């Protein structure tokens, strides 16, 4: 049971320390070509019984994760189409509590795994100058995105949890957005967003406990958002998240512990200046295939564009 607890908690950490399936509302908003976006996202997750474990459940157990993730993204013009490149590296802390008390994980101010990603516009994603962007009448656009999570983070198989996961992971998604507005700067701009996503995991060949190899099946998910601007400086949205899959295994033996969850949330965005924006997001687990589970996540992101 202890090994199962550890694997479940590791899967939960993976969903919050950079390998998160969720990107949030307006994450795939169009930008002028040549724009660089530097962001700092603070994420706090609290859950009991089960949260986004990605497979495996622990009753009567609390998990708290606090992570700060600096990211950089740049928009390119490739043949008249918009392309993004992305890199980020989470840094944070984990607390794992049971009825016996807090377990010291020795993960304070540790780094997680490096993320490298790319997004290619498929439909409705022209590479625009800032002036063209301001006048552009939006509509439907879709992009293809891939992310690679490289096991560079802090990891020690003698610890129950580490921010580094000691395994490779690949995530693929197909964000699709329909935008209503006369221009990208329309004060009444609305977006309808759907993003299907799948994440594949490599094996951890040095897991905590007696097992030689720990594995996990793919996780499939969908996130959806409806947002609306209220003037040029403020926008808000409602969010929904669904995921399934992620059965864990040790030494090739499955544990029949796949996850199915549904979460709801809300997002508030503030444009401080043409170069600075803020985004506050909250989501809460409302349905799970494991009874008596709860989970909530708060994210605060600051973005600097230049």
C-alpha atoms as a PDB file:
ATOM      1  CA  UNK A   1       0.000   0.000   0.000  1.00  0.00           C
ATOM      2  CA  UNK A   2       2.897   2.372   0.737  1.00  0.00           C
ATOM      3  CA  UNK A   3       4.293   1.940  -2.781  1.00  0.00           C
ATOM      4  CA  UNK A   4       0.880   2.666  -4.282  1.00  0.00           C
ATOM      5  CA  UNK A   5       0.594   5.790  -2.135  1.00  0.00           C
ATOM      6  CA  UNK A   6       3.935   7.082  -3.331  1.00  0.00           C
ATOM      7  CA  UNK A   7       3.223   6.470  -7.022  1.00  0.00           C
ATOM      8  CA  UNK A   8      -0.157   8.182  -6.712  1.00  0.00           C
ATOM      9  CA  UNK A   9       1.370  11.213  -5.050  1.00  0.00           C
ATOM     10  CA  UNK A  10       4.162  11.412  -7.637  1.00  0.00           C
ATOM     11  CA  UNK A  11       1.521  11.462 -10.368  1.00  0.00           C
ATOM     12  CA  UNK A  12      -0.212  14.318  -8.582  1.00  0.00           C
ATOM     13  CA  UNK A  13       2.999  16.304  -8.362  1.00  0.00           C
ATOM     14  CA  UNK A  14       3.582  15.762 -12.084  1.00  0.00           C
ATOM     15  CA  UNK A  15       0.284  17.453 -12.870  1.00  0.00           C
ATOM     16  CA  UNK A  16       1.290  20.620 -11.051  1.00  0.00           C
ATOM     17  CA  UNK A  17       5.078  21.018 -11.470  1.00  0.00           C
ATOM     18  CA  UNK A  18       5.161  21.878 -15.128  1.00  0.00           C
ATOM     19  CA  UNK A  19       3.652  18.713 -16.566  1.00  0.00           C
ATOM     20  CA  UNK A  20       0.182  20.117 -16.055  1.00  0.00           C
ATOM     21  CA  UNK A  21      -2.413  19.110 -18.616  1.00  0.00           C
ATOM     22  CA  UNK A  22      -4.137  22.482 -18.258  1.00  0.00           C
ATOM     23  CA  UNK A  23      -3.000  25.720 -19.854  1.00  0.00           C
ATOM     24  CA  UNK A  24      -5.985  27.891 -18.925  1.00  0.00           C
ATOM     25  CA  UNK A  25      -8.218  30.438 -20.609  1.00  0.00           C
ATOM     26  CA  UNK A  26      -6.840  32.581 -23.443  1.00  0.00           C
ATOM     27  CA  UNK A  27      -3.553  30.687 -23.339  1.00  0.00           C
ATOM     28  CA  UNK A  28      -3.640  30.440 -27.141  1.00  0.00           C
ATOM     29  CA  UNK A  29      -4.717  34.018 -27.869  1.00  0.00           C
ATOM     30  CA  UNK A  30      -3.144  35.334 -31.060  1.00  0.00           C
ATOM     31  CA  UNK A  31      -0.107  37.624 -30.712  1.00  0.00           C
ATOM     32  CA  UNK A  32       1.847  39.722 -33.203  1.00  0.00           C
ATOM     33  CA  UNK A  33       4.788  37.936 -34.805  1.00  0.00           C
ATOM     34  CA  UNK A  34       8.065  38.738 -33.075  1.00  0.00           C
ATOM     35  CA  UNK A  35       6.440  39.058 -29.640  1.00  0.00           C
ATOM     36  CA  UNK A  36       8.257  37.596 -26.643  1.00  0.00           C
ATOM     37  CA  UNK A  37       6.134  36.628 -23.629  1.00  0.00           C
ATOM     38  CA  UNK A  38       7.861  36.152 -20.270  1.00  0.00           C
ATOM     39  CA  UNK A  39       5.546  34.916 -17.517  1.00  0.00           C
ATOM     40  CA  UNK A  40       5.745  33.949 -13.861  1.00  0.00           C
ATOM     41  CA  UNK A  41       3.025  31.590 -12.616  1.00  0.00           C
ATOM     42  CA  UNK A  42       2.451  30.758  -8.961  1.00  0.00           C
ATOM     43  CA  UNK A  43       0.388  27.602  -8.422  1.00  0.00           C
ATOM     44  CA  UNK A  44      -0.961  26.281  -5.128  1.00  0.00           C
ATOM     45  CA  UNK A  45      -2.726  22.901  -5.006  1.00  0.00           C
ATOM     46  CA  UNK A  46      -4.512  21.436  -1.999  1.00  0.00           C
ATOM     47  CA  UNK A  47      -6.362  18.141  -1.927  1.00  0.00           C
ATOM     48  CA  UNK A  48      -7.588  15.392   0.359  1.00  0.00           C
ATOM     49  CA  UNK A  49      -8.403  11.770  -0.421  1.00  0.00           C
ATOM     50  CA  UNK A  50      -7.755  12.292  -4.085  1.00  0.00           C
ATOM     51  CA  UNK A  51      -7.011  15.177  -6.348  1.00  0.00           C
ATOM     52  CA  UNK A  52      -5.519  15.146  -9.850  1.00  0.00           C
ATOM     53  CA  UNK A  53      -3.512  12.060  -9.040  1.00  0.00           C
ATOM     54  CA  UNK A  54      -3.251  10.909 -12.658  1.00  0.00           C
ATOM     55  CA  UNK A  55      -3.801   7.347 -11.399  1.00  0.00           C
ATOM     56  CA  UNK A  56      -3.904   5.947  -7.865  1.00  0.00           C
ATOM     57  CA  UNK A  57      -5.738   7.213  -4.797  1.00  0.00           C
ATOM     58  CA  UNK A  58      -4.890   7.657  -1.130  1.00  0.00           C
ATOM     59  CA  UNK A  59      -7.699   7.957   1.401  1.00  0.00           C
ATOM     60  CA  UNK A  60      -7.176  10.234   4.412  1.00  0.00           C
ATOM     61  CA  UNK A  61      -4.088  11.834   2.896  1.00  0.00           C
ATOM     62  CA  UNK A  62      -3.473  15.544   2.282  1.00  0.00           C
ATOM     63  CA  UNK A  63      -1.157  16.862  -0.398  1.00  0.00           C
ATOM     64  CA  UNK A  64      -0.061  20.470  -0.733  1.00  0.00           C
ATOM     65  CA  UNK A  65       2.078  21.708  -3.606  1.00  0.00           C
ATOM     66  CA  UNK A  66       3.364  25.242  -4.097  1.00  0.00           C
ATOM     67  CA  UNK A  67       5.232  25.970  -7.316  1.00  0.00           C
ATOM     68  CA  UNK A  68       6.551  29.072  -9.075  1.00  0.00           C
ATOM     69  CA  UNK A  69       7.115  28.563 -12.799  1.00  0.00           C
ATOM     70  CA  UNK A  70       9.014  31.094 -14.932  1.00  0.00           C
ATOM     71  CA  UNK A  71       8.349  30.653 -18.648  1.00  0.00           C
ATOM     72  CA  UNK A  72       9.428  32.268 -21.887  1.00  0.00           C
ATOM     73  CA  UNK A  73       7.581  32.084 -25.210  1.00  0.00           C
ATOM     74  CA  UNK A  74       8.408  33.665 -28.564  1.00  0.00           C
ATOM     75  CA  UNK A  75       6.161  34.081 -31.620  1.00  0.00           C
ATOM     76  CA  UNK A  76       7.776  33.551 -35.026  1.00  0.00           C
ATOM     77  CA  UNK A  77       6.730  34.237 -38.594  1.00  0.00           C
ATOM     78  CA  UNK A  78       7.282  31.018 -40.554  1.00  0.00           C
ATOM     79  CA  UNK A  79       6.074  31.356 -44.128  1.00  0.00           C
ATOM     80  CA  UNK A  80       3.392  33.846 -43.101  1.00  0.00           C
ATOM     81  CA  UNK A  81       2.094  31.554 -40.339  1.00  0.00           C
ATOM     82  CA  UNK A  82       2.419  32.019 -36.572  1.00  0.00           C
ATOM     83  CA  UNK A  83       4.690  29.609 -34.665  1.00  0.00           C
ATOM     84  CA  UNK A  84       5.532  29.656 -30.924  1.00  0.00           C
ATOM     85  CA  UNK A  85       8.473  28.188 -29.023  1.00  0.00           C
ATOM     86  CA  UNK A  86       8.212  27.735 -25.247  1.00  0.00           C
ATOM     87  CA  UNK A  87      10.462  26.874 -22.314  1.00  0.00           C
ATOM     88  CA  UNK A  88       9.703  26.747 -18.576  1.00  0.00           C
ATOM     89  CA  UNK A  89      11.193  25.412 -15.346  1.00  0.00           C
ATOM     90  CA  UNK A  90       9.109  24.994 -12.147  1.00  0.00           C
ATOM     91  CA  UNK A  91      10.571  25.627  -8.700  1.00  0.00           C
ATOM     92  CA  UNK A  92       8.686  24.810  -5.518  1.00  0.00           C
ATOM     93  CA  UNK A  93       7.889  22.737  -2.459  1.00  0.00           C
ATOM     94  CA  UNK A  94       5.715  19.731  -1.543  1.00  0.00           C
ATOM     95  CA  UNK A  95       4.037  18.774   1.738  1.00  0.00           C
ATOM     96  CA  UNK A  96       2.593  15.274   2.165  1.00  0.00           C
ATOM     97  CA  UNK A  97       0.419  14.714   5.237  1.00  0.00           C
ATOM     98  CA  UNK A  98      -1.263  11.660   6.684  1.00  0.00           C
ATOM     99  CA  UNK A  99      -3.105  11.047   9.953  1.00  0.00           C
ATOM    100  CA  UNK A 100       0.315  10.406  11.490  1.00  0.00           C
ATOM    101  CA  UNK A 101       1.434  13.954  10.717  1.00  0.00           C
ATOM    102  CA  UNK A 102       3.529  15.790   8.134  1.00  0.00           C
ATOM    103  CA  UNK A 103       6.164  13.793   6.291  1.00  0.00           C
ATOM    104  CA  UNK A 104       9.387  15.715   5.652  1.00  0.00           C
ATOM    105  CA  UNK A 105      10.054  15.446   1.925  1.00  0.00           C
ATOM    106  CA  UNK A 106      13.122  17.693   1.872  1.00  0.00           C
ATOM    107  CA  UNK A 107      11.960  19.380  -1.334  1.00  0.00           C
ATOM    108  CA  UNK A 108      12.103  23.036  -0.263  1.00  0.00           C
ATOM    109  CA  UNK A 109      13.223  25.329  -3.062  1.00  0.00           C
ATOM    110  CA  UNK A 110      13.798  22.420  -5.426  1.00  0.00           C
ATOM    111  CA  UNK A 111      13.450  22.563  -9.185  1.00  0.00           C
ATOM    112  CA  UNK A 112      11.139  20.440 -11.274  1.00  0.00           C
ATOM    113  CA  UNK A 113      11.629  19.109 -14.793  1.00  0.00           C
ATOM    114  CA  UNK A 114      12.453  21.331 -17.756  1.00  0.00           C
ATOM    115  CA  UNK A 115       9.672  21.845 -20.301  1.00  0.00           C
ATOM    116  CA  UNK A 116      10.353  22.573 -23.973  1.00  0.00           C
ATOM    117  CA  UNK A 117       7.441  23.077 -26.348  1.00  0.00           C
ATOM    118  CA  UNK A 118       6.272  24.358 -29.679  1.00  0.00           C
ATOM    119  CA  UNK A 119       2.988  25.487 -31.227  1.00  0.00           C
ATOM    120  CA  UNK A 120       2.241  25.610 -34.948  1.00  0.00           C
ATOM    121  CA  UNK A 121      -0.739  27.463 -36.348  1.00  0.00           C
ATOM    122  CA  UNK A 122      -3.012  25.311 -38.513  1.00  0.00           C
ATOM    123  CA  UNK A 123      -5.999  27.531 -39.369  1.00  0.00           C
ATOM    124  CA  UNK A 124      -6.585  31.257 -38.928  1.00  0.00           C
ATOM    125  CA  UNK A 125      -3.143  32.055 -37.478  1.00  0.00           C
ATOM    126  CA  UNK A 126      -1.480  34.601 -39.759  1.00  0.00           C
ATOM    127  CA  UNK A 127       1.790  36.174 -38.681  1.00  0.00           C
ATOM    128  CA  UNK A 128       0.777  39.824 -38.159  1.00  0.00           C
ATOM    129  CA  UNK A 129       2.617  43.048 -37.429  1.00  0.00           C
ATOM    130  CA  UNK A 130       1.429  44.962 -34.324  1.00  0.00           C
ATOM    131  CA  UNK A 131      -0.644  47.327 -36.521  1.00  0.00           C
ATOM    132  CA  UNK A 132      -2.162  44.450 -38.502  1.00  0.00           C
ATOM    133  CA  UNK A 133      -2.899  42.630 -35.240  1.00  0.00           C
ATOM    134  CA  UNK A 134      -4.800  45.616 -33.808  1.00  0.00           C
ATOM    135  CA  UNK A 135      -7.063  45.738 -36.894  1.00  0.00           C
ATOM    136  CA  UNK A 136      -7.371  41.978 -37.477  1.00  0.00           C
ATOM    137  CA  UNK A 137     -10.929  40.636 -37.358  1.00  0.00           C
ATOM    138  CA  UNK A 138     -10.722  37.306 -35.531  1.00  0.00           C
ATOM    139  CA  UNK A 139     -12.737  34.166 -36.113  1.00  0.00           C
ATOM    140  CA  UNK A 140     -11.843  30.496 -35.838  1.00  0.00           C
ATOM    141  CA  UNK A 141      -8.260  29.435 -35.316  1.00  0.00           C
ATOM    142  CA  UNK A 142      -6.627  26.130 -34.418  1.00  0.00           C
ATOM    143  CA  UNK A 143      -3.080  25.181 -33.496  1.00  0.00           C
ATOM    144  CA  UNK A 144      -1.129  21.981 -32.885  1.00  0.00           C
ATOM    145  CA  UNK A 145       1.067  21.900 -29.814  1.00  0.00           C
ATOM    146  CA  UNK A 146       3.698  19.529 -28.476  1.00  0.00           C
ATOM    147  CA  UNK A 147       5.523  19.634 -25.145  1.00  0.00           C
ATOM    148  CA  UNK A 148       8.512  17.613 -23.987  1.00  0.00           C
ATOM    149  CA  UNK A 149       9.210  17.212 -20.250  1.00  0.00           C
ATOM    150  CA  UNK A 150      12.878  16.411 -19.628  1.00  0.00           C
ATOM    151  CA  UNK A 151      13.871  14.710 -16.319  1.00  0.00           C
ATOM    152  CA  UNK A 152      16.317  17.395 -15.181  1.00  0.00           C
ATOM    153  CA  UNK A 153      14.614  18.170 -11.859  1.00  0.00           C
ATOM    154  CA  UNK A 154      15.555  17.374  -8.288  1.00  0.00           C
ATOM    155  CA  UNK A 155      14.992  13.649  -7.687  1.00  0.00           C
ATOM    156  CA  UNK A 156      16.019  11.156  -5.025  1.00  0.00           C
ATOM    157  CA  UNK A 157      14.569   7.628  -4.991  1.00  0.00           C
ATOM    158  CA  UNK A 158      15.050   7.530  -1.208  1.00  0.00           C
ATOM    159  CA  UNK A 159      12.397  10.245  -0.853  1.00  0.00           C
ATOM    160  CA  UNK A 160       8.672   9.582  -1.090  1.00  0.00           C
ATOM    161  CA  UNK A 161       8.176  12.614  -3.356  1.00  0.00           C
ATOM    162  CA  UNK A 162      10.438  14.765  -5.471  1.00  0.00           C
ATOM    163  CA  UNK A 163       9.677  17.712  -7.734  1.00  0.00           C
ATOM    164  CA  UNK A 164      11.715  15.976 -10.421  1.00  0.00           C
ATOM    165  CA  UNK A 165       9.948  12.854 -11.727  1.00  0.00           C
ATOM    166  CA  UNK A 166      12.878  10.879 -13.185  1.00  0.00           C
ATOM    167  CA  UNK A 167      10.977  10.060 -16.385  1.00  0.00           C
ATOM    168  CA  UNK A 168      10.405  11.563 -19.816  1.00  0.00           C
ATOM    169  CA  UNK A 169       6.957  12.734 -20.825  1.00  0.00           C
ATOM    170  CA  UNK A 170       5.354  13.990 -24.052  1.00  0.00           C
ATOM    171  CA  UNK A 171       2.146  15.994 -24.273  1.00  0.00           C
ATOM    172  CA  UNK A 172       0.194  16.738 -27.468  1.00  0.00           C
ATOM    173  CA  UNK A 173      -2.854  18.972 -27.827  1.00  0.00           C
ATOM    174  CA  UNK A 174      -5.081  20.581 -30.465  1.00  0.00           C
ATOM    175  CA  UNK A 175      -6.415  23.901 -29.128  1.00  0.00           C
ATOM    176  CA  UNK A 176      -9.373  25.287 -31.100  1.00  0.00           C
ATOM    177  CA  UNK A 177     -10.716  28.792 -30.477  1.00  0.00           C
ATOM    178  CA  UNK A 178     -13.587  30.780 -31.952  1.00  0.00           C
ATOM    179  CA  UNK A 179     -13.307  34.502 -31.253  1.00  0.00           C
ATOM    180  CA  UNK A 180     -16.167  36.983 -31.613  1.00  0.00           C
ATOM    181  CA  UNK A 181     -15.215  40.626 -32.108  1.00  0.00           C
ATOM    182  CA  UNK A 182     -14.626  43.367 -34.644  1.00  0.00           C
ATOM    183  CA  UNK A 183     -10.898  43.290 -33.875  1.00  0.00           C
ATOM    184  CA  UNK A 184      -8.457  41.736 -31.426  1.00  0.00           C
ATOM    185  CA  UNK A 185      -8.830  44.899 -29.316  1.00  0.00           C
ATOM    186  CA  UNK A 186     -12.636  44.823 -29.269  1.00  0.00           C
ATOM    187  CA  UNK A 187     -13.746  45.790 -25.704  1.00  0.00           C
ATOM    188  CA  UNK A 188     -16.542  43.175 -25.945  1.00  0.00           C
ATOM    189  CA  UNK A 189     -14.333  40.367 -27.270  1.00  0.00           C
ATOM    190  CA  UNK A 190     -15.610  36.824 -26.579  1.00  0.00           C
ATOM    191  CA  UNK A 191     -13.842  33.479 -26.977  1.00  0.00           C
ATOM    192  CA  UNK A 192     -15.073  29.882 -27.051  1.00  0.00           C
ATOM    193  CA  UNK A 193     -12.166  27.503 -26.480  1.00  0.00           C
ATOM    194  CA  UNK A 194     -11.759  23.723 -26.539  1.00  0.00           C
ATOM    195  CA  UNK A 195      -8.432  21.930 -26.074  1.00  0.00           C
ATOM    196  CA  UNK A 196      -8.185  18.135 -26.237  1.00  0.00           C
ATOM    197  CA  UNK A 197      -4.899  16.864 -24.816  1.00  0.00           C
ATOM    198  CA  UNK A 198      -3.071  13.580 -24.308  1.00  0.00           C
ATOM    199  CA  UNK A 199       0.065  12.930 -22.274  1.00  0.00           C
ATOM    200  CA  UNK A 200       2.394   9.919 -22.561  1.00  0.00           C
ATOM    201  CA  UNK A 201       4.839   8.917 -19.831  1.00  0.00           C
ATOM    202  CA  UNK A 202       8.128   7.084 -19.888  1.00  0.00           C
ATOM    203  CA  UNK A 203       9.123   4.679 -17.123  1.00  0.00           C
ATOM    204  CA  UNK A 204      10.829   5.641 -13.894  1.00  0.00           C
ATOM    205  CA  UNK A 205      13.588   3.057 -13.610  1.00  0.00           C
ATOM    206  CA  UNK A 206      14.617   4.099 -10.099  1.00  0.00           C
ATOM    207  CA  UNK A 207      11.356   4.559  -8.163  1.00  0.00           C
ATOM    208  CA  UNK A 208      10.886   4.894  -4.432  1.00  0.00           C
ATOM    209  CA  UNK A 209      10.268   1.554  -2.733  1.00  0.00           C
ATOM    210  CA  UNK A 210      11.094  -2.027  -3.691  1.00  0.00           C
ATOM    211  CA  UNK A 211       9.887  -1.868  -7.329  1.00  0.00           C
ATOM    212  CA  UNK A 212      12.455  -1.783 -10.123  1.00  0.00           C
ATOM    213  CA  UNK A 213      10.281   0.133 -12.616  1.00  0.00           C
ATOM    214  CA  UNK A 214       7.246   2.383 -12.164  1.00  0.00           C
ATOM    215  CA  UNK A 215       5.050   3.186 -15.162  1.00  0.00           C
ATOM    216  CA  UNK A 216       1.890   5.054 -16.049  1.00  0.00           C
ATOM    217  CA  UNK A 217      -0.618   4.783 -18.888  1.00  0.00           C
ATOM    218  CA  UNK A 218      -1.510   7.904 -20.947  1.00  0.00           C
ATOM    219  CA  UNK A 219      -3.844  10.549 -19.563  1.00  0.00           C
ATOM    220  CA  UNK A 220      -6.515  11.965 -21.885  1.00  0.00           C
ATOM    221  CA  UNK A 221      -8.196  15.271 -21.137  1.00  0.00           C
ATOM    222  CA  UNK A 222     -10.306  18.130 -22.456  1.00  0.00           C
ATOM    223  CA  UNK A 223     -10.400  21.683 -21.183  1.00  0.00           C
ATOM    224  CA  UNK A 224     -12.985  24.263 -22.262  1.00  0.00           C
ATOM    225  CA  UNK A 225     -13.395  27.987 -21.629  1.00  0.00           C
ATOM    226  CA  UNK A 226     -15.849  30.750 -22.420  1.00  0.00           C
ATOM    227  CA  UNK A 227     -14.442  34.244 -21.877  1.00  0.00           C
ATOM    228  CA  UNK A 228     -15.608  37.804 -22.380  1.00  0.00           C
ATOM    229  CA  UNK A 229     -13.871  41.170 -22.214  1.00  0.00           C
ATOM    230  CA  UNK A 230     -15.350  44.008 -20.195  1.00  0.00           C
ATOM    231  CA  UNK A 231     -13.536  46.922 -21.734  1.00  0.00           C
ATOM    232  CA  UNK A 232      -9.894  46.940 -22.798  1.00  0.00           C
ATOM    233  CA  UNK A 233      -8.436  46.116 -19.372  1.00  0.00           C
ATOM    234  CA  UNK A 234     -10.633  43.401 -17.864  1.00  0.00           C
ATOM    235  CA  UNK A 235     -11.862  39.981 -18.973  1.00  0.00           C
ATOM    236  CA  UNK A 236     -13.363  36.971 -17.213  1.00  0.00           C
ATOM    237  CA  UNK A 237     -14.147  33.367 -18.051  1.00  0.00           C
ATOM    238  CA  UNK A 238     -15.693  30.128 -16.855  1.00  0.00           C
ATOM    239  CA  UNK A 239     -13.649  26.928 -17.149  1.00  0.00           C
ATOM    240  CA  UNK A 240     -14.254  23.185 -17.287  1.00  0.00           C
ATOM    241  CA  UNK A 241     -11.755  20.322 -17.151  1.00  0.00           C
ATOM    242  CA  UNK A 242     -12.147  16.576 -17.702  1.00  0.00           C
ATOM    243  CA  UNK A 243      -9.494  13.853 -17.627  1.00  0.00           C
ATOM    244  CA  UNK A 244      -9.357  10.091 -17.678  1.00  0.00           C
ATOM    245  CA  UNK A 245      -6.743   7.337 -17.764  1.00  0.00           C
ATOM    246  CA  UNK A 246      -3.342   7.268 -16.122  1.00  0.00           C
ATOM    247  CA  UNK A 247      -3.371   3.763 -14.596  1.00  0.00           C
ATOM    248  CA  UNK A 248      -0.100   3.164 -12.774  1.00  0.00           C
ATOM    249  CA  UNK A 249       2.012  -0.002 -12.713  1.00  0.00           C
ATOM    250  CA  UNK A 250       5.017  -1.407 -10.891  1.00  0.00           C
ATOM    251  CA  UNK A 251       7.336  -3.861 -12.635  1.00  0.00           C
ATOM    252  CA  UNK A 252       4.772  -4.157 -15.447  1.00  0.00           C
ATOM    253  CA  UNK A 253       1.826  -5.077 -13.220  1.00  0.00           C
ATOM    254  CA  UNK A 254      -1.131  -2.705 -13.538  1.00  0.00           C
ATOM    255  CA  UNK A 255      -2.916  -1.421 -10.426  1.00  0.00           C
ATOM    256  CA  UNK A 256      -6.384  -0.809 -11.871  1.00  0.00           C
ATOM    257  CA  UNK A 257      -6.263   2.732 -10.456  1.00  0.00           C
ATOM    258  CA  UNK A 258      -7.069   4.867 -13.487  1.00  0.00           C
ATOM    259  CA  UNK A 259      -8.492   8.324 -12.872  1.00  0.00           C
ATOM    260  CA  UNK A 260     -11.661  10.045 -14.090  1.00  0.00           C
ATOM    261  CA  UNK A 261     -12.294  13.576 -12.842  1.00  0.00           C
ATOM    262  CA  UNK A 262     -14.321  16.647 -13.730  1.00  0.00           C
ATOM    263  CA  UNK A 263     -13.422  20.102 -12.441  1.00  0.00           C
ATOM    264  CA  UNK A 264     -14.958  23.557 -12.796  1.00  0.00           C
ATOM    265  CA  UNK A 265     -13.337  26.932 -12.365  1.00  0.00           C
ATOM    266  CA  UNK A 266     -13.234  30.610 -13.169  1.00  0.00           C
ATOM    267  CA  UNK A 267     -10.600  33.008 -14.480  1.00  0.00           C
ATOM    268  CA  UNK A 268     -10.138  36.750 -14.166  1.00  0.00           C
ATOM    269  CA  UNK A 269      -7.737  38.642 -16.430  1.00  0.00           C
ATOM    270  CA  UNK A 270      -6.416  42.179 -16.044  1.00  0.00           C
ATOM    271  CA  UNK A 271      -4.460  44.148 -18.632  1.00  0.00           C
ATOM    272  CA  UNK A 272      -2.291  46.494 -16.569  1.00  0.00           C
ATOM    273  CA  UNK A 273      -0.576  48.007 -19.604  1.00  0.00           C
ATOM    274  CA  UNK A 274       0.160  47.011 -23.206  1.00  0.00           C
ATOM    275  CA  UNK A 275       3.197  45.137 -21.850  1.00  0.00           C
ATOM    276  CA  UNK A 276       1.915  43.702 -18.543  1.00  0.00           C
ATOM    277  CA  UNK A 277      -1.081  41.456 -17.804  1.00  0.00           C
ATOM    278  CA  UNK A 278      -2.327  39.413 -14.852  1.00  0.00           C
ATOM    279  CA  UNK A 279      -4.431  36.250 -14.733  1.00  0.00           C
ATOM    280  CA  UNK A 280      -6.065  34.706 -11.662  1.00  0.00           C
ATOM    281  CA  UNK A 281      -7.547  31.196 -12.018  1.00  0.00           C
ATOM    282  CA  UNK A 282      -9.308  28.912  -9.574  1.00  0.00           C
ATOM    283  CA  UNK A 283     -10.573  25.379 -10.183  1.00  0.00           C
ATOM    284  CA  UNK A 284     -12.162  22.792  -7.943  1.00  0.00           C
ATOM    285  CA  UNK A 285     -12.780  19.082  -8.306  1.00  0.00           C
ATOM    286  CA  UNK A 286     -16.543  18.477  -8.493  1.00  0.00           C
ATOM    287  CA  UNK A 287     -16.692  14.825  -9.565  1.00  0.00           C
ATOM    288  CA  UNK A 288     -14.321  11.857  -9.322  1.00  0.00           C
ATOM    289  CA  UNK A 289     -14.476   8.098  -9.707  1.00  0.00           C
ATOM    290  CA  UNK A 290     -13.130   7.830  -6.157  1.00  0.00           C
ATOM    291  CA  UNK A 291     -15.553   8.816  -3.358  1.00  0.00           C
ATOM    292  CA  UNK A 292     -14.769  11.349  -0.614  1.00  0.00           C
ATOM    293  CA  UNK A 293     -12.146  13.131  -2.676  1.00  0.00           C
ATOM    294  CA  UNK A 294     -11.579  16.871  -2.970  1.00  0.00           C
ATOM    295  CA  UNK A 295      -9.095  19.171  -4.601  1.00  0.00           C
ATOM    296  CA  UNK A 296      -8.630  22.821  -5.451  1.00  0.00           C
ATOM    297  CA  UNK A 297      -6.004  24.764  -7.365  1.00  0.00           C
ATOM    298  CA  UNK A 298      -5.240  28.485  -7.416  1.00  0.00           C
ATOM    299  CA  UNK A 299      -2.987  30.046 -10.050  1.00  0.00           C
ATOM    300  CA  UNK A 300      -1.714  33.615 -10.346  1.00  0.00           C
ATOM    301  CA  UNK A 301       0.173  34.448 -13.526  1.00  0.00           C
ATOM    302  CA  UNK A 302       1.961  37.654 -14.512  1.00  0.00           C
ATOM    303  CA  UNK A 303       3.000  38.084 -18.144  1.00  0.00           C
ATOM    304  CA  UNK A 304       5.384  40.629 -19.670  1.00  0.00           C
ATOM    305  CA  UNK A 305       5.212  41.176 -23.438  1.00  0.00           C
ATOM    306  CA  UNK A 306       7.826  42.908 -25.522  1.00  0.00           C
END
